[in-house]
Amino acid sequence: MTLDQWRRGLGTAISFLAFGIGGVAIGLVVAPLLQVSVRDPARRRHLARRFIQRTFYVFVTLMRGLGVLDYRFEGRERLARPGLLLLANHPCLIDVAFLLAYVPNADCIVKEGLIKNPFTRGPIRAAGYITNREPEAVLDAARASLAEGNSLILFPEGTRTVPGRPIKFRRGGANIALRTSTNITPVLIRCTPTTLTKGEPWYRIPPQKVQIDLRVLDDLPIEQEAAQPTCQQARRLTRLLSSHFNRELEQFHHERDTTTVA
């Protein structure tokens, strides 16, 4: 490893340590304080989400300040609107941090296993994020969350993107869009060089500083066909979404690679 990699490795270790301490602190300190001081559950969730948003903003700012990564966020002003259904690709472990840092009143659908993680269960419970335990329960919770004006973040791949392979979405995002009649706001995420992919340890430091680029695209309107069953519409919409993301990501990568060379 080069000296620069050792330096970024130390910054990465500090960042993950801060993340862990923050997660535990939210569970052991912030959540109990909100529980005893705020009676209304909806108000309590809202305050917890605002605190988490600011915490993640500090987290991504810390990573940039330590030289671990840099990032650019195009079209983030579009995230200020209420009640968005945000679908994003998932190239690395920390990309959700950027969305939670910049999306007001953010709700998200998380894997059930994260409830058992001591560093993430506190924030998840305090914010009332939706777990993917039961599909029907997820749909009902998503509908209620969007109706409250929250913006719902979802990674339709169900896991992190495999580098070099086309994106293939599952039907969860399409089902929520169709059954709640909510337009989709696509978010493209590019991570170069690849890092923190599925199964990759945090201490495997890439040869150069990571650049994360995010781009919020125009909304995709949802058009339903009354004569066609929702399940068939969901399959078709999922295929269209996968194709749309693959096409837009290819263009996004091309634009960024051309800019870097120039």
Protein backbone atom coordinates (compact mmCIF):
# COMPACT_ATOMS: atom_id res chain seq x y z
CA MET A 1 0.00 0.00 0.00
CA THR A 2 1.12 3.53 -0.74
CA LEU A 3 1.38 6.27 1.87
CA ASP A 4 -1.77 7.84 0.44
CA GLN A 5 -3.66 4.56 0.84
CA TRP A 6 -2.50 4.29 4.47
CA ARG A 7 -3.72 7.84 5.07
CA ARG A 8 -7.10 7.14 3.49
CA GLY A 9 -7.28 3.84 5.37
CA LEU A 10 -6.87 5.71 8.66
CA GLY A 11 -9.56 8.18 7.56
CA THR A 12 -11.86 5.28 6.67
CA ALA A 13 -11.32 3.69 10.09
CA ILE A 14 -12.10 6.98 11.83
CA SER A 15 -15.23 7.41 9.68
CA PHE A 16 -16.58 3.94 10.47
CA LEU A 17 -15.76 4.40 14.15
CA ALA A 18 -17.73 7.66 14.12
CA PHE A 19 -20.61 5.91 12.34
CA GLY A 20 -20.71 3.15 14.94
CA ILE A 21 -20.55 5.55 17.89
CA GLY A 22 -23.25 7.71 16.33
CA GLY A 23 -25.56 4.75 15.77
CA VAL A 24 -25.17 3.51 19.33
CA ALA A 25 -25.62 7.04 20.73
CA ILE A 26 -28.87 7.50 18.84
CA GLY A 27 -30.18 4.22 20.24
CA LEU A 28 -29.02 4.74 23.82
CA VAL A 29 -29.34 8.51 24.26
CA VAL A 30 -31.33 10.31 21.56
CA ALA A 31 -34.17 7.80 21.20
CA PRO A 32 -34.85 7.52 24.99
CA LEU A 33 -34.78 11.32 25.34
CA LEU A 34 -37.33 11.67 22.55
CA GLN A 35 -39.43 8.89 24.09
CA VAL A 36 -39.80 10.71 27.43
CA SER A 37 -40.03 14.25 26.07
CA VAL A 38 -42.29 13.88 22.99
CA ARG A 39 -45.60 12.12 23.43
CA ASP A 40 -46.85 12.18 19.84
CA PRO A 41 -45.29 9.21 17.95
CA ALA A 42 -45.44 10.98 14.56
CA ARG A 43 -43.70 14.05 15.97
CA ARG A 44 -41.13 11.81 17.64
CA ARG A 45 -40.34 10.04 14.36
CA HIS A 46 -40.08 13.37 12.55
CA LEU A 47 -37.58 14.74 15.08
CA ALA A 48 -35.56 11.50 14.98
CA ARG A 49 -35.37 11.67 11.19
CA ARG A 50 -34.25 15.29 11.26
CA PHE A 51 -31.53 14.38 13.74
CA ILE A 52 -30.44 11.42 11.60
CA GLN A 53 -30.37 13.63 8.50
CA ARG A 54 -28.02 16.08 10.20
CA THR A 55 -25.92 13.23 11.58
CA PHE A 56 -25.45 11.74 8.12
CA TYR A 57 -24.59 15.17 6.72
CA VAL A 58 -21.83 15.41 9.34
CA PHE A 59 -20.75 11.86 8.43
CA VAL A 60 -20.35 12.51 4.68
CA THR A 61 -18.68 15.86 5.42
CA LEU A 62 -16.26 14.05 7.74
CA MET A 63 -15.37 11.50 5.06
CA ARG A 64 -14.71 14.30 2.58
CA GLY A 65 -12.67 16.25 5.14
CA LEU A 66 -10.53 13.22 5.96
CA GLY A 67 -9.79 12.71 2.26
CA VAL A 68 -11.54 9.34 2.11
CA LEU A 69 -13.75 10.45 -0.77
CA ASP A 70 -15.20 13.36 -2.65
CA TYR A 71 -18.72 13.68 -4.04
CA ARG A 72 -20.96 15.70 -6.34
CA PHE A 73 -24.74 15.82 -6.13
CA GLU A 74 -26.60 17.02 -9.23
CA GLY A 75 -30.25 18.01 -9.05
CA ARG A 76 -30.48 17.75 -5.28
CA GLU A 77 -32.89 20.70 -5.22
CA ARG A 78 -35.49 18.26 -6.58
CA LEU A 79 -35.27 16.34 -3.31
CA ALA A 80 -36.87 19.22 -1.37
CA ARG A 81 -40.33 18.26 -2.63
CA PRO A 82 -42.50 16.22 -0.24
CA GLY A 83 -43.82 12.71 -0.83
CA LEU A 84 -41.20 11.46 -3.29
CA LEU A 85 -40.65 7.82 -4.18
CA LEU A 86 -36.89 7.70 -4.70
CA LEU A 87 -35.46 4.66 -6.48
CA ALA A 88 -31.67 4.38 -6.69
CA ASN A 89 -29.01 1.93 -7.73
CA HIS A 90 -26.77 0.72 -4.92
CA PRO A 91 -23.07 0.56 -5.90
CA CYS A 92 -21.55 0.79 -2.41
CA LEU A 93 -22.35 0.42 1.27
CA ILE A 94 -22.38 4.12 2.12
CA ASP A 95 -24.42 5.57 -0.75
CA VAL A 96 -27.55 5.55 1.43
CA ALA A 97 -25.75 8.01 3.72
CA PHE A 98 -25.76 10.66 0.99
CA LEU A 99 -29.47 10.26 0.34
CA LEU A 100 -30.38 10.38 4.04
CA ALA A 101 -28.15 13.45 4.43
CA TYR A 102 -29.94 15.42 1.72
CA VAL A 103 -33.54 14.15 1.65
CA PRO A 104 -35.88 15.98 4.06
CA ASN A 105 -38.35 13.83 5.99
CA ALA A 106 -36.73 10.69 4.61
CA ASP A 107 -38.20 7.28 5.23
CA CYS A 108 -36.63 4.14 3.81
CA ILE A 109 -37.13 0.43 3.44
CA VAL A 110 -34.35 -1.51 5.16
CA LYS A 111 -33.39 -5.14 5.44
CA GLU A 112 -34.79 -6.89 8.50
CA GLY A 113 -31.29 -8.02 9.47
CA LEU A 114 -30.25 -4.43 10.19
CA ILE A 115 -32.61 -4.42 13.18
CA LYS A 116 -30.27 -6.95 14.81
CA ASN A 117 -27.16 -4.87 14.14
CA PRO A 118 -26.22 -2.93 17.31
CA PHE A 119 -24.98 0.03 15.26
CA THR A 120 -28.10 0.44 13.09
CA ARG A 121 -31.05 -0.81 15.13
CA GLY A 122 -31.19 2.34 17.30
CA PRO A 123 -31.59 4.78 14.38
CA ILE A 124 -33.97 2.43 12.53
CA ARG A 125 -36.29 2.10 15.51
CA ALA A 126 -36.10 5.77 16.46
CA ALA A 127 -36.94 6.90 12.91
CA GLY A 128 -39.56 4.19 12.37
CA TYR A 129 -38.02 3.05 9.10
CA ILE A 130 -39.85 0.28 7.26
CA THR A 131 -38.39 -3.24 7.41
CA ASN A 132 -38.87 -5.67 4.52
CA ARG A 133 -40.17 -8.52 6.68
CA GLU A 134 -43.58 -8.96 5.01
CA PRO A 135 -44.37 -7.66 1.50
CA GLU A 136 -47.96 -6.68 2.25
CA ALA A 137 -46.95 -4.91 5.46
CA VAL A 138 -44.25 -3.05 3.53
CA LEU A 139 -46.79 -1.87 0.98
CA ASP A 140 -49.20 -0.63 3.65
CA ALA A 141 -46.41 1.14 5.53
CA ALA A 142 -45.10 2.72 2.31
CA ARG A 143 -48.56 3.98 1.41
CA ALA A 144 -49.01 5.52 4.87
CA SER A 145 -45.56 7.09 4.81
CA LEU A 146 -46.03 8.70 1.40
CA ALA A 147 -49.49 9.95 2.45
CA GLU A 148 -47.83 11.73 5.41
CA GLY A 149 -45.57 13.60 2.99
CA ASN A 150 -42.42 11.60 3.71
CA SER A 151 -40.02 10.79 0.90
CA LEU A 152 -39.42 7.07 0.61
CA ILE A 153 -35.95 5.78 -0.35
CA LEU A 154 -35.72 2.36 -1.93
CA PHE A 155 -32.94 0.34 -3.57
CA PRO A 156 -34.94 -1.95 -5.89
CA GLU A 157 -32.03 -4.31 -6.57
CA GLY A 158 -32.46 -5.64 -3.04
CA THR A 159 -28.68 -5.74 -2.57
CA ARG A 160 -25.62 -3.85 -3.68
CA THR A 161 -24.93 -3.56 -7.41
CA VAL A 162 -22.43 -6.06 -8.77
CA PRO A 163 -19.69 -4.06 -10.58
CA GLY A 164 -19.64 -4.62 -14.32
CA ARG A 165 -23.08 -6.22 -14.48
CA PRO A 166 -26.35 -4.67 -15.72
CA ILE A 167 -28.82 -3.60 -13.08
CA LYS A 168 -31.75 -5.93 -12.51
CA PHE A 169 -34.47 -4.57 -10.26
CA ARG A 170 -36.92 -6.53 -8.17
CA ARG A 171 -40.60 -5.64 -8.28
CA GLY A 172 -40.86 -3.89 -4.91
CA GLY A 173 -40.40 -0.36 -6.23
CA ALA A 174 -42.78 -0.87 -9.15
CA ASN A 175 -45.44 -2.36 -6.86
CA ILE A 176 -45.26 0.58 -4.48
CA ALA A 177 -45.42 3.09 -7.34
CA LEU A 178 -48.42 1.39 -8.95
CA ARG A 179 -50.37 0.69 -5.77
CA THR A 180 -49.87 4.18 -4.34
CA SER A 181 -50.11 6.02 -7.71
CA THR A 182 -46.81 7.77 -7.00
CA ASN A 183 -44.46 8.96 -9.70
CA ILE A 184 -40.90 7.65 -9.47
CA THR A 185 -37.91 9.91 -8.90
CA PRO A 186 -34.81 8.05 -10.15
CA VAL A 187 -31.41 8.70 -8.54
CA LEU A 188 -28.25 7.56 -10.28
CA ILE A 189 -25.22 6.80 -8.12
CA ARG A 190 -21.72 6.33 -9.51
CA CYS A 191 -18.78 5.20 -7.38
CA THR A 192 -15.27 5.20 -8.84
CA PRO A 193 -13.17 3.29 -8.18
CA THR A 194 -15.53 0.66 -6.85
CA THR A 195 -15.40 0.16 -3.10
CA LEU A 196 -17.47 -1.30 -0.28
CA THR A 197 -19.29 -3.62 -2.68
CA LYS A 198 -21.05 -6.76 -1.46
CA GLY A 199 -18.63 -8.83 0.64
CA GLU A 200 -15.78 -6.32 0.34
CA PRO A 201 -14.25 -5.36 3.72
CA TRP A 202 -13.91 -1.69 4.69
CA TYR A 203 -10.15 -2.01 5.08
CA ARG A 204 -9.61 -2.87 1.41
CA ILE A 205 -8.59 0.63 0.39
CA PRO A 206 -8.77 1.46 -3.36
CA PRO A 207 -5.64 2.78 -5.09
CA GLN A 208 -7.09 6.28 -5.44
CA LYS A 209 -9.55 8.49 -3.61
CA VAL A 210 -13.16 7.46 -4.16
CA GLN A 211 -15.41 9.77 -6.17
CA ILE A 212 -19.16 9.42 -5.62
CA ASP A 213 -21.46 11.16 -8.06
CA LEU A 214 -25.22 11.36 -7.59
CA ARG A 215 -27.73 12.66 -10.11
CA VAL A 216 -31.47 13.14 -9.52
CA LEU A 217 -33.35 12.59 -12.78
CA ASP A 218 -36.73 13.91 -13.87
CA ASP A 219 -39.73 12.10 -12.43
CA LEU A 220 -41.09 9.10 -14.28
CA PRO A 221 -44.89 9.32 -14.42
CA ILE A 222 -46.84 6.21 -13.51
CA GLU A 223 -49.56 5.24 -15.97
CA GLN A 224 -51.85 2.41 -14.92
CA GLU A 225 -53.94 0.24 -17.23
CA ALA A 226 -57.24 -0.70 -15.64
CA ALA A 227 -57.65 -3.76 -17.87
CA GLN A 228 -54.33 -5.31 -16.83
CA PRO A 229 -53.66 -6.93 -13.43
CA THR A 230 -51.34 -4.95 -11.18
CA CYS A 231 -48.88 -7.85 -10.96
CA GLN A 232 -48.42 -7.85 -14.73
CA GLN A 233 -48.04 -4.07 -14.76
CA ALA A 234 -45.42 -4.36 -12.00
CA ARG A 235 -43.39 -6.88 -14.01
CA ARG A 236 -43.51 -4.66 -17.08
CA LEU A 237 -42.64 -1.51 -15.12
CA THR A 238 -39.74 -3.29 -13.42
CA ARG A 239 -38.27 -4.24 -16.80
CA LEU A 240 -38.69 -0.66 -18.01
CA LEU A 241 -37.06 0.73 -14.87
CA SER A 242 -34.10 -1.64 -15.18
CA SER A 243 -33.59 -0.64 -18.81
CA HIS A 244 -33.99 3.05 -17.99
CA PHE A 245 -31.41 2.91 -15.19
CA ASN A 246 -28.92 0.90 -17.25
CA ARG A 247 -29.21 3.33 -20.15
CA GLU A 248 -28.94 6.45 -17.97
CA LEU A 249 -26.06 5.03 -15.94
CA GLU A 250 -24.13 4.19 -19.09
CA GLN A 251 -24.52 7.79 -20.24
CA PHE A 252 -23.65 9.08 -16.75
CA HIS A 253 -20.44 7.02 -16.66
CA HIS A 254 -19.53 8.16 -20.16
CA GLU A 255 -20.01 11.83 -19.27
CA ARG A 256 -17.95 11.55 -16.09
CA ASP A 257 -15.18 9.50 -17.74
CA THR A 258 -14.96 12.03 -20.59
CA THR A 259 -14.78 14.92 -18.12
CA THR A 260 -12.05 13.17 -16.11
CA VAL A 261 -9.92 12.53 -19.22
CA ALA A 262 -10.36 16.11 -20.42
